[in-house]
Amino acid sequence: MRAIGQLALALLLVLAVASPGLAGVAVIEATAPLQDHSKPAIEAAFKEAVKTAMRGAVAMGLPWVQVREAVVLKDMVAIRVLATDVKPDKEPGDPGPGGEPGKESGRPRGLDL
């Protein structure tokens, strides 16, 4: 019985000392209306969607935002961003392992704006 008590005490000490890594993270999707499919119209809609997503991230207390995906649809531009309260490990332009996006990396090439 004494061994169980010592084991329980040891377990409680380990749990008390271990601090959880709490980081706020959210995936935010936003859209903006698209007037036509010209490059300036797509760029303007993209920027508006990013502004909307950033306002949502800041309202949640998440100051770091990375655009993860952008799609041009028939009448709108849709984006998906990853928002967090800690600085990301790699820069948004860094393709990371696998090389350049779109070149045998398994990820689509980004939108040049």
PDB file of N, CA and C in Angstrom:
ATOM      1  N   MET A   1       0.826  -1.191   0.000  1.00  0.00           N
ATOM      2  CA  MET A   1       0.000   0.000   0.000  1.00  0.00           C
ATOM      3  C   MET A   1       0.871   1.257   0.000  1.00  0.00           C
ATOM      4  N   ARG A   2       1.990   1.179   0.698  1.00  0.00           N
ATOM      5  CA  ARG A   2       2.899   2.313   0.775  1.00  0.00           C
ATOM      6  C   ARG A   2       3.507   2.598  -0.614  1.00  0.00           C
ATOM      7  N   ALA A   3       3.768   1.552  -1.396  1.00  0.00           N
ATOM      8  CA  ALA A   3       4.338   1.712  -2.735  1.00  0.00           C
ATOM      9  C   ALA A   3       3.367   2.442  -3.657  1.00  0.00           C
ATOM     10  N   ILE A   4       2.092   2.143  -3.525  1.00  0.00           N
ATOM     11  CA  ILE A   4       1.074   2.827  -4.340  1.00  0.00           C
ATOM     12  C   ILE A   4       1.021   4.306  -3.973  1.00  0.00           C
ATOM     13  N   GLY A   5       1.124   4.606  -2.708  1.00  0.00           N
ATOM     14  CA  GLY A   5       1.122   5.997  -2.256  1.00  0.00           C
ATOM     15  C   GLY A   5       2.329   6.760  -2.779  1.00  0.00           C
ATOM     16  N   GLN A   6       3.507   6.114  -2.781  1.00  0.00           N
ATOM     17  CA  GLN A   6       4.710   6.748  -3.302  1.00  0.00           C
ATOM     18  C   GLN A   6       4.613   6.956  -4.814  1.00  0.00           C
ATOM     19  N   LEU A   7       4.049   5.970  -5.494  1.00  0.00           N
ATOM     20  CA  LEU A   7       3.856   6.094  -6.935  1.00  0.00           C
ATOM     21  C   LEU A   7       2.895   7.235  -7.264  1.00  0.00           C
ATOM     22  N   ALA A   8       1.829   7.337  -6.510  1.00  0.00           N
ATOM     23  CA  ALA A   8       0.854   8.413  -6.733  1.00  0.00           C
ATOM     24  C   ALA A   8       1.489   9.770  -6.463  1.00  0.00           C
ATOM     25  N   LEU A   9       2.302   9.863  -5.407  1.00  0.00           N
ATOM     26  CA  LEU A   9       2.977  11.118  -5.082  1.00  0.00           C
ATOM     27  C   LEU A   9       3.954  11.491  -6.190  1.00  0.00           C
ATOM     28  N   ALA A  10       4.708  10.519  -6.698  1.00  0.00           N
ATOM     29  CA  ALA A  10       5.655  10.777  -7.782  1.00  0.00           C
ATOM     30  C   ALA A  10       4.926  11.246  -9.033  1.00  0.00           C
ATOM     31  N   LEU A  11       3.805  10.608  -9.345  1.00  0.00           N
ATOM     32  CA  LEU A  11       3.014  10.991 -10.509  1.00  0.00           C
ATOM     33  C   LEU A  11       2.480  12.415 -10.364  1.00  0.00           C
ATOM     34  N   LEU A  12       2.000  12.765  -9.198  1.00  0.00           N
ATOM     35  CA  LEU A  12       1.503  14.124  -8.958  1.00  0.00           C
ATOM     36  C   LEU A  12       2.610  15.156  -9.100  1.00  0.00           C
ATOM     37  N   LEU A  13       3.807  14.826  -8.610  1.00  0.00           N
ATOM     38  CA  LEU A  13       4.930  15.752  -8.747  1.00  0.00           C
ATOM     39  C   LEU A  13       5.310  15.951 -10.211  1.00  0.00           C
ATOM     40  N   VAL A  14       5.329  14.882 -10.984  1.00  0.00           N
ATOM     41  CA  VAL A  14       5.655  14.995 -12.406  1.00  0.00           C
ATOM     42  C   VAL A  14       4.615  15.838 -13.127  1.00  0.00           C
ATOM     43  N   LEU A  15       3.356  15.606 -12.840  1.00  0.00           N
ATOM     44  CA  LEU A  15       2.284  16.370 -13.494  1.00  0.00           C
ATOM     45  C   LEU A  15       2.311  17.833 -13.080  1.00  0.00           C
ATOM     46  N   ALA A  16       2.676  18.110 -11.837  1.00  0.00           N
ATOM     47  CA  ALA A  16       2.715  19.489 -11.363  1.00  0.00           C
ATOM     48  C   ALA A  16       3.879  20.251 -11.979  1.00  0.00           C
ATOM     49  N   VAL A  17       5.006  19.576 -12.200  1.00  0.00           N
ATOM     50  CA  VAL A  17       6.191  20.235 -12.737  1.00  0.00           C
ATOM     51  C   VAL A  17       6.090  20.416 -14.244  1.00  0.00           C
ATOM     52  N   ALA A  18       5.512  19.477 -14.934  1.00  0.00           N
ATOM     53  CA  ALA A  18       5.387  19.560 -16.390  1.00  0.00           C
ATOM     54  C   ALA A  18       4.417  20.673 -16.753  1.00  0.00           C
ATOM     55  N   SER A  19       4.903  21.629 -17.520  1.00  0.00           N
ATOM     56  CA  SER A  19       4.028  22.725 -17.932  1.00  0.00           C
ATOM     57  C   SER A  19       3.550  22.473 -19.352  1.00  0.00           C
ATOM     58  N   PRO A  20       2.277  22.591 -19.586  1.00  0.00           N
ATOM     59  CA  PRO A  20       1.765  22.362 -20.940  1.00  0.00           C
ATOM     60  C   PRO A  20       2.178  23.498 -21.856  1.00  0.00           C
ATOM     61  N   GLY A  21       2.466  23.182 -23.096  1.00  0.00           N
ATOM     62  CA  GLY A  21       2.791  24.195 -24.093  1.00  0.00           C
ATOM     63  C   GLY A  21       1.508  24.722 -24.700  1.00  0.00           C
ATOM     64  N   LEU A  22       0.969  25.741 -24.107  1.00  0.00           N
ATOM     65  CA  LEU A  22      -0.294  26.290 -24.590  1.00  0.00           C
ATOM     66  C   LEU A  22      -0.022  27.392 -25.603  1.00  0.00           C
ATOM     67  N   ALA A  23      -0.435  27.157 -26.800  1.00  0.00           N
ATOM     68  CA  ALA A  23      -0.318  28.165 -27.847  1.00  0.00           C
ATOM     69  C   ALA A  23      -1.682  28.316 -28.498  1.00  0.00           C
ATOM     70  N   GLY A  24      -2.069  29.551 -28.712  1.00  0.00           N
ATOM     71  CA  GLY A  24      -3.331  29.803 -29.388  1.00  0.00           C
ATOM     72  C   GLY A  24      -3.142  29.664 -30.888  1.00  0.00           C
ATOM     73  N   VAL A  25      -3.949  28.848 -31.521  1.00  0.00           N
ATOM     74  CA  VAL A  25      -3.858  28.620 -32.964  1.00  0.00           C
ATOM     75  C   VAL A  25      -5.271  28.563 -33.525  1.00  0.00           C
ATOM     76  N   ALA A  26      -5.459  29.149 -34.699  1.00  0.00           N
ATOM     77  CA  ALA A  26      -6.757  29.089 -35.366  1.00  0.00           C
ATOM     78  C   ALA A  26      -6.545  29.074 -36.871  1.00  0.00           C
ATOM     79  N   VAL A  27      -7.385  28.351 -37.559  1.00  0.00           N
ATOM     80  CA  VAL A  27      -7.431  28.407 -39.017  1.00  0.00           C
ATOM     81  C   VAL A  27      -8.631  29.274 -39.362  1.00  0.00           C
ATOM     82  N   ILE A  28      -8.380  30.337 -40.072  1.00  0.00           N
ATOM     83  CA  ILE A  28      -9.433  31.307 -40.396  1.00  0.00           C
ATOM     84  C   ILE A  28      -9.637  31.311 -41.905  1.00  0.00           C
ATOM     85  N   GLU A  29     -10.881  31.244 -42.310  1.00  0.00           N
ATOM     86  CA  GLU A  29     -11.226  31.343 -43.725  1.00  0.00           C
ATOM     87  C   GLU A  29     -11.987  32.641 -43.945  1.00  0.00           C
ATOM     88  N   ALA A  30     -11.658  33.314 -45.031  1.00  0.00           N
ATOM     89  CA  ALA A  30     -12.328  34.578 -45.348  1.00  0.00           C
ATOM     90  C   ALA A  30     -12.526  34.660 -46.853  1.00  0.00           C
ATOM     91  N   THR A  31     -13.527  35.425 -47.249  1.00  0.00           N
ATOM     92  CA  THR A  31     -13.800  35.626 -48.672  1.00  0.00           C
ATOM     93  C   THR A  31     -13.970  37.108 -48.954  1.00  0.00           C
ATOM     94  N   ALA A  32     -13.823  37.455 -50.217  1.00  0.00           N
ATOM     95  CA  ALA A  32     -14.082  38.819 -50.669  1.00  0.00           C
ATOM     96  C   ALA A  32     -14.703  38.726 -52.058  1.00  0.00           C
ATOM     97  N   PRO A  33     -15.655  39.605 -52.358  1.00  0.00           N
ATOM     98  CA  PRO A  33     -16.300  39.552 -53.677  1.00  0.00           C
ATOM     99  C   PRO A  33     -15.315  39.886 -54.792  1.00  0.00           C
ATOM    100  N   LEU A  34     -15.533  39.260 -55.932  1.00  0.00           N
ATOM    101  CA  LEU A  34     -14.671  39.448 -57.093  1.00  0.00           C
ATOM    102  C   LEU A  34     -15.495  40.095 -58.204  1.00  0.00           C
ATOM    103  N   GLN A  35     -15.039  41.263 -58.694  1.00  0.00           N
ATOM    104  CA  GLN A  35     -15.773  41.994 -59.725  1.00  0.00           C
ATOM    105  C   GLN A  35     -15.619  41.327 -61.095  1.00  0.00           C
ATOM    106  N   ASP A  36     -14.390  40.960 -61.438  1.00  0.00           N
ATOM    107  CA  ASP A  36     -14.105  40.246 -62.688  1.00  0.00           C
ATOM    108  C   ASP A  36     -12.835  39.428 -62.464  1.00  0.00           C
ATOM    109  N   HIS A  37     -12.372  38.751 -63.483  1.00  0.00           N
ATOM    110  CA  HIS A  37     -11.210  37.879 -63.326  1.00  0.00           C
ATOM    111  C   HIS A  37      -9.911  38.515 -63.811  1.00  0.00           C
ATOM    112  N   SER A  38      -9.856  39.845 -63.822  1.00  0.00           N
ATOM    113  CA  SER A  38      -8.612  40.521 -64.186  1.00  0.00           C
ATOM    114  C   SER A  38      -7.644  40.447 -63.008  1.00  0.00           C
ATOM    115  N   LYS A  39      -6.358  40.573 -63.299  1.00  0.00           N
ATOM    116  CA  LYS A  39      -5.343  40.492 -62.250  1.00  0.00           C
ATOM    117  C   LYS A  39      -5.544  41.568 -61.174  1.00  0.00           C
ATOM    118  N   PRO A  40      -5.817  42.842 -61.537  1.00  0.00           N
ATOM    119  CA  PRO A  40      -6.038  43.854 -60.495  1.00  0.00           C
ATOM    120  C   PRO A  40      -7.258  43.547 -59.613  1.00  0.00           C
ATOM    121  N   ALA A  41      -8.307  43.009 -60.208  1.00  0.00           N
ATOM    122  CA  ALA A  41      -9.502  42.679 -59.424  1.00  0.00           C
ATOM    123  C   ALA A  41      -9.218  41.521 -58.467  1.00  0.00           C
ATOM    124  N   ILE A  42      -8.466  40.527 -58.933  1.00  0.00           N
ATOM    125  CA  ILE A  42      -8.111  39.392 -58.074  1.00  0.00           C
ATOM    126  C   ILE A  42      -7.218  39.864 -56.929  1.00  0.00           C
ATOM    127  N   GLU A  43      -6.233  40.714 -57.239  1.00  0.00           N
ATOM    128  CA  GLU A  43      -5.343  41.235 -56.198  1.00  0.00           C
ATOM    129  C   GLU A  43      -6.121  42.032 -55.151  1.00  0.00           C
ATOM    130  N   ALA A  44      -7.054  42.875 -55.601  1.00  0.00           N
ATOM    131  CA  ALA A  44      -7.843  43.684 -54.662  1.00  0.00           C
ATOM    132  C   ALA A  44      -8.715  42.795 -53.774  1.00  0.00           C
ATOM    133  N   ALA A  45      -9.342  41.784 -54.354  1.00  0.00           N
ATOM    134  CA  ALA A  45     -10.177  40.871 -53.572  1.00  0.00           C
ATOM    135  C   ALA A  45      -9.329  40.065 -52.590  1.00  0.00           C
ATOM    136  N   PHE A  46      -8.148  39.636 -53.036  1.00  0.00           N
ATOM    137  CA  PHE A  46      -7.244  38.897 -52.169  1.00  0.00           C
ATOM    138  C   PHE A  46      -6.840  39.749 -50.963  1.00  0.00           C
ATOM    139  N   LYS A  47      -6.452  40.994 -51.218  1.00  0.00           N
ATOM    140  CA  LYS A  47      -6.047  41.889 -50.129  1.00  0.00           C
ATOM    141  C   LYS A  47      -7.205  42.128 -49.159  1.00  0.00           C
ATOM    142  N   GLU A  48      -8.410  42.275 -49.672  1.00  0.00           N
ATOM    143  CA  GLU A  48      -9.576  42.489 -48.799  1.00  0.00           C
ATOM    144  C   GLU A  48      -9.845  41.249 -47.946  1.00  0.00           C
ATOM    145  N   ALA A  49      -9.716  40.064 -48.525  1.00  0.00           N
ATOM    146  CA  ALA A  49      -9.922  38.830 -47.768  1.00  0.00           C
ATOM    147  C   ALA A  49      -8.855  38.678 -46.680  1.00  0.00           C
ATOM    148  N   VAL A  50      -7.614  39.033 -47.003  1.00  0.00           N
ATOM    149  CA  VAL A  50      -6.539  38.962 -46.005  1.00  0.00           C
ATOM    150  C   VAL A  50      -6.806  39.943 -44.866  1.00  0.00           C
ATOM    151  N   LYS A  51      -7.246  41.155 -45.196  1.00  0.00           N
ATOM    152  CA  LYS A  51      -7.577  42.135 -44.151  1.00  0.00           C
ATOM    153  C   LYS A  51      -8.671  41.605 -43.228  1.00  0.00           C
ATOM    154  N   THR A  52      -9.689  40.979 -43.810  1.00  0.00           N
ATOM    155  CA  THR A  52     -10.778  40.415 -43.011  1.00  0.00           C
ATOM    156  C   THR A  52     -10.256  39.320 -42.083  1.00  0.00           C
ATOM    157  N   ALA A  53      -9.423  38.435 -42.603  1.00  0.00           N
ATOM    158  CA  ALA A  53      -8.861  37.354 -41.785  1.00  0.00           C
ATOM    159  C   ALA A  53      -7.964  37.912 -40.683  1.00  0.00           C
ATOM    160  N   MET A  54      -7.182  38.935 -41.014  1.00  0.00           N
ATOM    161  CA  MET A  54      -6.290  39.530 -40.013  1.00  0.00           C
ATOM    162  C   MET A  54      -7.071  40.210 -38.897  1.00  0.00           C
ATOM    163  N   ARG A  55      -8.171  40.865 -39.257  1.00  0.00           N
ATOM    164  CA  ARG A  55      -9.003  41.486 -38.210  1.00  0.00           C
ATOM    165  C   ARG A  55      -9.541  40.419 -37.269  1.00  0.00           C
ATOM    166  N   GLY A  56      -9.962  39.280 -37.812  1.00  0.00           N
ATOM    167  CA  GLY A  56     -10.442  38.187 -36.972  1.00  0.00           C
ATOM    168  C   GLY A  56      -9.351  37.621 -36.088  1.00  0.00           C
ATOM    169  N   ALA A  57      -8.156  37.477 -36.636  1.00  0.00           N
ATOM    170  CA  ALA A  57      -7.036  36.942 -35.862  1.00  0.00           C
ATOM    171  C   ALA A  57      -6.662  37.883 -34.715  1.00  0.00           C
ATOM    172  N   VAL A  58      -6.587  39.166 -35.008  1.00  0.00           N
ATOM    173  CA  VAL A  58      -6.247  40.143 -33.973  1.00  0.00           C
ATOM    174  C   VAL A  58      -7.322  40.178 -32.891  1.00  0.00           C
ATOM    175  N   ALA A  59      -8.578  40.049 -33.289  1.00  0.00           N
ATOM    176  CA  ALA A  59      -9.672  40.033 -32.304  1.00  0.00           C
ATOM    177  C   ALA A  59      -9.568  38.827 -31.378  1.00  0.00           C
ATOM    178  N   MET A  60      -8.971  37.735 -31.865  1.00  0.00           N
ATOM    179  CA  MET A  60      -8.782  36.542 -31.031  1.00  0.00           C
ATOM    180  C   MET A  60      -7.462  36.572 -30.280  1.00  0.00           C
ATOM    181  N   GLY A  61      -6.679  37.642 -30.444  1.00  0.00           N
ATOM    182  CA  GLY A  61      -5.393  37.741 -29.762  1.00  0.00           C
ATOM    183  C   GLY A  61      -4.293  36.934 -30.431  1.00  0.00           C
ATOM    184  N   LEU A  62      -4.390  36.753 -31.746  1.00  0.00           N
ATOM    185  CA  LEU A  62      -3.412  35.966 -32.496  1.00  0.00           C
ATOM    186  C   LEU A  62      -2.708  36.873 -33.506  1.00  0.00           C
ATOM    187  N   PRO A  63      -1.544  37.444 -33.156  1.00  0.00           N
ATOM    188  CA  PRO A  63      -0.911  38.446 -34.010  1.00  0.00           C
ATOM    189  C   PRO A  63      -0.130  37.910 -35.209  1.00  0.00           C
ATOM    190  N   TRP A  64       0.199  36.627 -35.252  1.00  0.00           N
ATOM    191  CA  TRP A  64       0.967  36.067 -36.364  1.00  0.00           C
ATOM    192  C   TRP A  64       0.028  35.350 -37.329  1.00  0.00           C
ATOM    193  N   VAL A  65       0.109  35.725 -38.612  1.00  0.00           N
ATOM    194  CA  VAL A  65      -0.797  35.164 -39.620  1.00  0.00           C
ATOM    195  C   VAL A  65       0.021  34.708 -40.828  1.00  0.00           C
ATOM    196  N   GLN A  66      -0.286  33.513 -41.328  1.00  0.00           N
ATOM    197  CA  GLN A  66       0.313  33.001 -42.563  1.00  0.00           C
ATOM    198  C   GLN A  66      -0.809  32.588 -43.508  1.00  0.00           C
ATOM    199  N   VAL A  67      -0.758  33.065 -44.744  1.00  0.00           N
ATOM    200  CA  VAL A  67      -1.728  32.634 -45.747  1.00  0.00           C
ATOM    201  C   VAL A  67      -1.330  31.227 -46.175  1.00  0.00           C
ATOM    202  N   ARG A  68      -2.243  30.284 -46.035  1.00  0.00           N
ATOM    203  CA  ARG A  68      -1.959  28.888 -46.363  1.00  0.00           C
ATOM    204  C   ARG A  68      -2.547  28.485 -47.716  1.00  0.00           C
ATOM    205  N   GLU A  69      -3.655  29.121 -48.103  1.00  0.00           N
ATOM    206  CA  GLU A  69      -4.308  28.734 -49.349  1.00  0.00           C
ATOM    207  C   GLU A  69      -5.136  29.915 -49.855  1.00  0.00           C
ATOM    208  N   ALA A  70      -5.165  30.087 -51.163  1.00  0.00           N
ATOM    209  CA  ALA A  70      -6.003  31.103 -51.790  1.00  0.00           C
ATOM    210  C   ALA A  70      -6.622  30.492 -53.042  1.00  0.00           C
ATOM    211  N   VAL A  71      -7.927  30.714 -53.222  1.00  0.00           N
ATOM    212  CA  VAL A  71      -8.646  30.142 -54.353  1.00  0.00           C
ATOM    213  C   VAL A  71      -9.488  31.229 -55.002  1.00  0.00           C
ATOM    214  N   VAL A  72      -9.421  31.299 -56.323  1.00  0.00           N
ATOM    215  CA  VAL A  72     -10.265  32.221 -57.071  1.00  0.00           C
ATOM    216  C   VAL A  72     -11.466  31.426 -57.570  1.00  0.00           C
ATOM    217  N   LEU A  73     -12.642  31.828 -57.111  1.00  0.00           N
ATOM    218  CA  LEU A  73     -13.889  31.180 -57.522  1.00  0.00           C
ATOM    219  C   LEU A  73     -14.602  32.055 -58.535  1.00  0.00           C
ATOM    220  N   LYS A  74     -15.797  31.672 -58.919  1.00  0.00           N
ATOM    221  CA  LYS A  74     -16.560  32.394 -59.948  1.00  0.00           C
ATOM    222  C   LYS A  74     -16.782  33.856 -59.570  1.00  0.00           C
ATOM    223  N   ASP A  75     -17.236  34.103 -58.339  1.00  0.00           N
ATOM    224  CA  ASP A  75     -17.585  35.463 -57.948  1.00  0.00           C
ATOM    225  C   ASP A  75     -16.907  35.926 -56.665  1.00  0.00           C
ATOM    226  N   MET A  76     -15.868  35.189 -56.206  1.00  0.00           N
ATOM    227  CA  MET A  76     -15.178  35.579 -54.985  1.00  0.00           C
ATOM    228  C   MET A  76     -13.787  34.967 -54.921  1.00  0.00           C
ATOM    229  N   VAL A  77     -12.988  35.540 -54.031  1.00  0.00           N
ATOM    230  CA  VAL A  77     -11.683  34.982 -53.692  1.00  0.00           C
ATOM    231  C   VAL A  77     -11.802  34.469 -52.265  1.00  0.00           C
ATOM    232  N   ALA A  78     -11.385  33.229 -52.046  1.00  0.00           N
ATOM    233  CA  ALA A  78     -11.435  32.625 -50.719  1.00  0.00           C
ATOM    234  C   ALA A  78     -10.009  32.334 -50.277  1.00  0.00           C
ATOM    235  N   ILE A  79      -9.722  32.633 -49.012  1.00  0.00           N
ATOM    236  CA  ILE A  79      -8.394  32.349 -48.472  1.00  0.00           C
ATOM    237  C   ILE A  79      -8.530  31.574 -47.173  1.00  0.00           C
ATOM    238  N   ARG A  80      -7.464  30.889 -46.823  1.00  0.00           N
ATOM    239  CA  ARG A  80      -7.371  30.193 -45.535  1.00  0.00           C
ATOM    240  C   ARG A  80      -6.042  30.609 -44.928  1.00  0.00           C
ATOM    241  N   VAL A  81      -6.089  31.113 -43.702  1.00  0.00           N
ATOM    242  CA  VAL A  81      -4.867  31.529 -43.012  1.00  0.00           C
ATOM    243  C   VAL A  81      -4.714  30.746 -41.720  1.00  0.00           C
ATOM    244  N   LEU A  82      -3.471  30.598 -41.303  1.00  0.00           N
ATOM    245  CA  LEU A  82      -3.148  30.015 -40.013  1.00  0.00           C
ATOM    246  C   LEU A  82      -2.734  31.174 -39.123  1.00  0.00           C
ATOM    247  N   ALA A  83      -3.455  31.365 -38.032  1.00  0.00           N
ATOM    248  CA  ALA A  83      -3.162  32.443 -37.094  1.00  0.00           C
ATOM    249  C   ALA A  83      -2.688  31.825 -35.786  1.00  0.00           C
ATOM    250  N   THR A  84      -1.669  32.434 -35.177  1.00  0.00           N
ATOM    251  CA  THR A  84      -1.123  31.917 -33.931  1.00  0.00           C
ATOM    252  C   THR A  84      -0.608  33.051 -33.061  1.00  0.00           C
ATOM    253  N   ASP A  85      -0.390  32.743 -31.791  1.00  0.00           N
ATOM    254  CA  ASP A  85       0.132  33.755 -30.884  1.00  0.00           C
ATOM    255  C   ASP A  85       1.636  33.620 -30.676  1.00  0.00           C
ATOM    256  N   VAL A  86       2.265  32.699 -31.378  1.00  0.00           N
ATOM    257  CA  VAL A  86       3.724  32.565 -31.337  1.00  0.00           C
ATOM    258  C   VAL A  86       4.263  32.665 -32.754  1.00  0.00           C
ATOM    259  N   LYS A  87       5.478  33.201 -32.884  1.00  0.00           N
ATOM    260  CA  LYS A  87       6.079  33.370 -34.200  1.00  0.00           C
ATOM    261  C   LYS A  87       6.295  32.002 -34.837  1.00  0.00           C
ATOM    262  N   PRO A  88       5.876  31.819 -36.094  1.00  0.00           N
ATOM    263  CA  PRO A  88       6.074  30.536 -36.772  1.00  0.00           C
ATOM    264  C   PRO A  88       7.558  30.201 -36.903  1.00  0.00           C
ATOM    265  N   ASP A  89       7.855  28.902 -36.977  1.00  0.00           N
ATOM    266  CA  ASP A  89       9.244  28.447 -37.089  1.00  0.00           C
ATOM    267  C   ASP A  89       9.896  28.880 -38.389  1.00  0.00           C
ATOM    268  N   LYS A  90       9.131  28.861 -39.476  1.00  0.00           N
ATOM    269  CA  LYS A  90       9.710  29.224 -40.763  1.00  0.00           C
ATOM    270  C   LYS A  90       8.948  30.406 -41.345  1.00  0.00           C
ATOM    271  N   GLU A  91       9.624  31.109 -42.213  1.00  0.00           N
ATOM    272  CA  GLU A  91       9.032  32.271 -42.859  1.00  0.00           C
ATOM    273  C   GLU A  91       7.992  31.832 -43.881  1.00  0.00           C
ATOM    274  N   PRO A  92       6.974  32.688 -44.158  1.00  0.00           N
ATOM    275  CA  PRO A  92       5.933  32.315 -45.123  1.00  0.00           C
ATOM    276  C   PRO A  92       6.474  31.956 -46.500  1.00  0.00           C
ATOM    277  N   GLY A  93       7.550  32.586 -46.962  1.00  0.00           N
ATOM    278  CA  GLY A  93       8.094  32.300 -48.279  1.00  0.00           C
ATOM    279  C   GLY A  93       9.005  31.088 -48.318  1.00  0.00           C
ATOM    280  N   ASP A  94       9.357  30.542 -47.151  1.00  0.00           N
ATOM    281  CA  ASP A  94      10.255  29.402 -47.063  1.00  0.00           C
ATOM    282  C   ASP A  94       9.508  28.130 -47.424  1.00  0.00           C
ATOM    283  N   PRO A  95       9.882  27.466 -48.522  1.00  0.00           N
ATOM    284  CA  PRO A  95       9.160  26.251 -48.907  1.00  0.00           C
ATOM    285  C   PRO A  95       9.412  25.075 -47.983  1.00  0.00           C
ATOM    286  N   GLY A  96      10.478  25.151 -47.158  1.00  0.00           N
ATOM    287  CA  GLY A  96      10.760  24.068 -46.222  1.00  0.00           C
ATOM    288  C   GLY A  96      11.226  22.820 -46.948  1.00  0.00           C
ATOM    289  N   PRO A  97      11.044  21.649 -46.324  1.00  0.00           N
ATOM    290  CA  PRO A  97      11.492  20.415 -46.959  1.00  0.00           C
ATOM    291  C   PRO A  97      10.750  20.163 -48.270  1.00  0.00           C
ATOM    292  N   GLY A  98      11.467  19.726 -49.266  1.00  0.00           N
ATOM    293  CA  GLY A  98      10.821  19.413 -50.541  1.00  0.00           C
ATOM    294  C   GLY A  98      11.124  20.437 -51.604  1.00  0.00           C
ATOM    295  N   GLY A  99      11.785  21.529 -51.245  1.00  0.00           N
ATOM    296  CA  GLY A  99      12.186  22.506 -52.252  1.00  0.00           C
ATOM    297  C   GLY A  99      11.100  23.507 -52.589  1.00  0.00           C
ATOM    298  N   GLU A 100      11.181  24.010 -53.810  1.00  0.00           N
ATOM    299  CA  GLU A 100      10.288  25.062 -54.278  1.00  0.00           C
ATOM    300  C   GLU A 100       8.861  24.537 -54.456  1.00  0.00           C
ATOM    301  N   PRO A 101       7.844  25.289 -53.982  1.00  0.00           N
ATOM    302  CA  PRO A 101       6.459  24.849 -54.181  1.00  0.00           C
ATOM    303  C   PRO A 101       6.161  24.673 -55.661  1.00  0.00           C
ATOM    304  N   GLY A 102       5.446  23.609 -55.985  1.00  0.00           N
ATOM    305  CA  GLY A 102       5.078  23.353 -57.364  1.00  0.00           C
ATOM    306  C   GLY A 102       6.104  22.552 -58.132  1.00  0.00           C
ATOM    307  N   LYS A 103       7.289  22.349 -57.569  1.00  0.00           N
ATOM    308  CA  LYS A 103       8.337  21.571 -58.240  1.00  0.00           C
ATOM    309  C   LYS A 103       8.604  20.311 -57.441  1.00  0.00           C
ATOM    310  N   GLU A 104       7.793  19.302 -57.647  1.00  0.00           N
ATOM    311  CA  GLU A 104       7.936  17.987 -57.024  1.00  0.00           C
ATOM    312  C   GLU A 104       7.930  18.059 -55.504  1.00  0.00           C
ATOM    313  N   SER A 105       7.311  19.078 -54.934  1.00  0.00           N
ATOM    314  CA  SER A 105       7.266  19.191 -53.474  1.00  0.00           C
ATOM    315  C   SER A 105       5.928  18.699 -52.913  1.00  0.00           C
ATOM    316  N   GLY A 106       4.976  18.410 -53.782  1.00  0.00           N
ATOM    317  CA  GLY A 106       3.674  17.941 -53.310  1.00  0.00           C
ATOM    318  C   GLY A 106       2.752  19.077 -52.897  1.00  0.00           C
ATOM    319  N   ARG A 107       3.196  20.333 -53.074  1.00  0.00           N
ATOM    320  CA  ARG A 107       2.371  21.477 -52.725  1.00  0.00           C
ATOM    321  C   ARG A 107       2.170  22.341 -53.962  1.00  0.00           C
ATOM    322  N   PRO A 108       1.011  22.990 -54.078  1.00  0.00           N
ATOM    323  CA  PRO A 108       0.785  23.833 -55.254  1.00  0.00           C
ATOM    324  C   PRO A 108       1.639  25.086 -55.214  1.00  0.00           C
ATOM    325  N   ARG A 109       1.960  25.597 -56.365  1.00  0.00           N
ATOM    326  CA  ARG A 109       2.710  26.840 -56.459  1.00  0.00           C
ATOM    327  C   ARG A 109       1.827  27.981 -55.971  1.00  0.00           C
ATOM    328  N   GLY A 110       2.414  28.942 -55.288  1.00  0.00           N
ATOM    329  CA  GLY A 110       1.682  30.071 -54.733  1.00  0.00           C
ATOM    330  C   GLY A 110       1.250  31.062 -55.790  1.00  0.00           C
ATOM    331  N   LEU A 111       0.355  31.952 -55.425  1.00  0.00           N
ATOM    332  CA  LEU A 111      -0.146  33.000 -56.299  1.00  0.00           C
ATOM    333  C   LEU A 111       0.832  34.172 -56.263  1.00  0.00           C
ATOM    334  N   ASP A 112       1.336  34.611 -57.394  1.00  0.00           N
ATOM    335  CA  ASP A 112       2.267  35.741 -57.451  1.00  0.00           C
ATOM    336  C   ASP A 112       1.487  37.047 -57.463  1.00  0.00           C
ATOM    337  N   LEU A 113       1.532  37.755 -56.343  1.00  0.00           N
ATOM    338  CA  LEU A 113       0.837  39.039 -56.268  1.00  0.00           C
ATOM    339  C   LEU A 113       1.789  40.151 -55.983  1.00  0.00           C
TER     340      LEU A 113
END
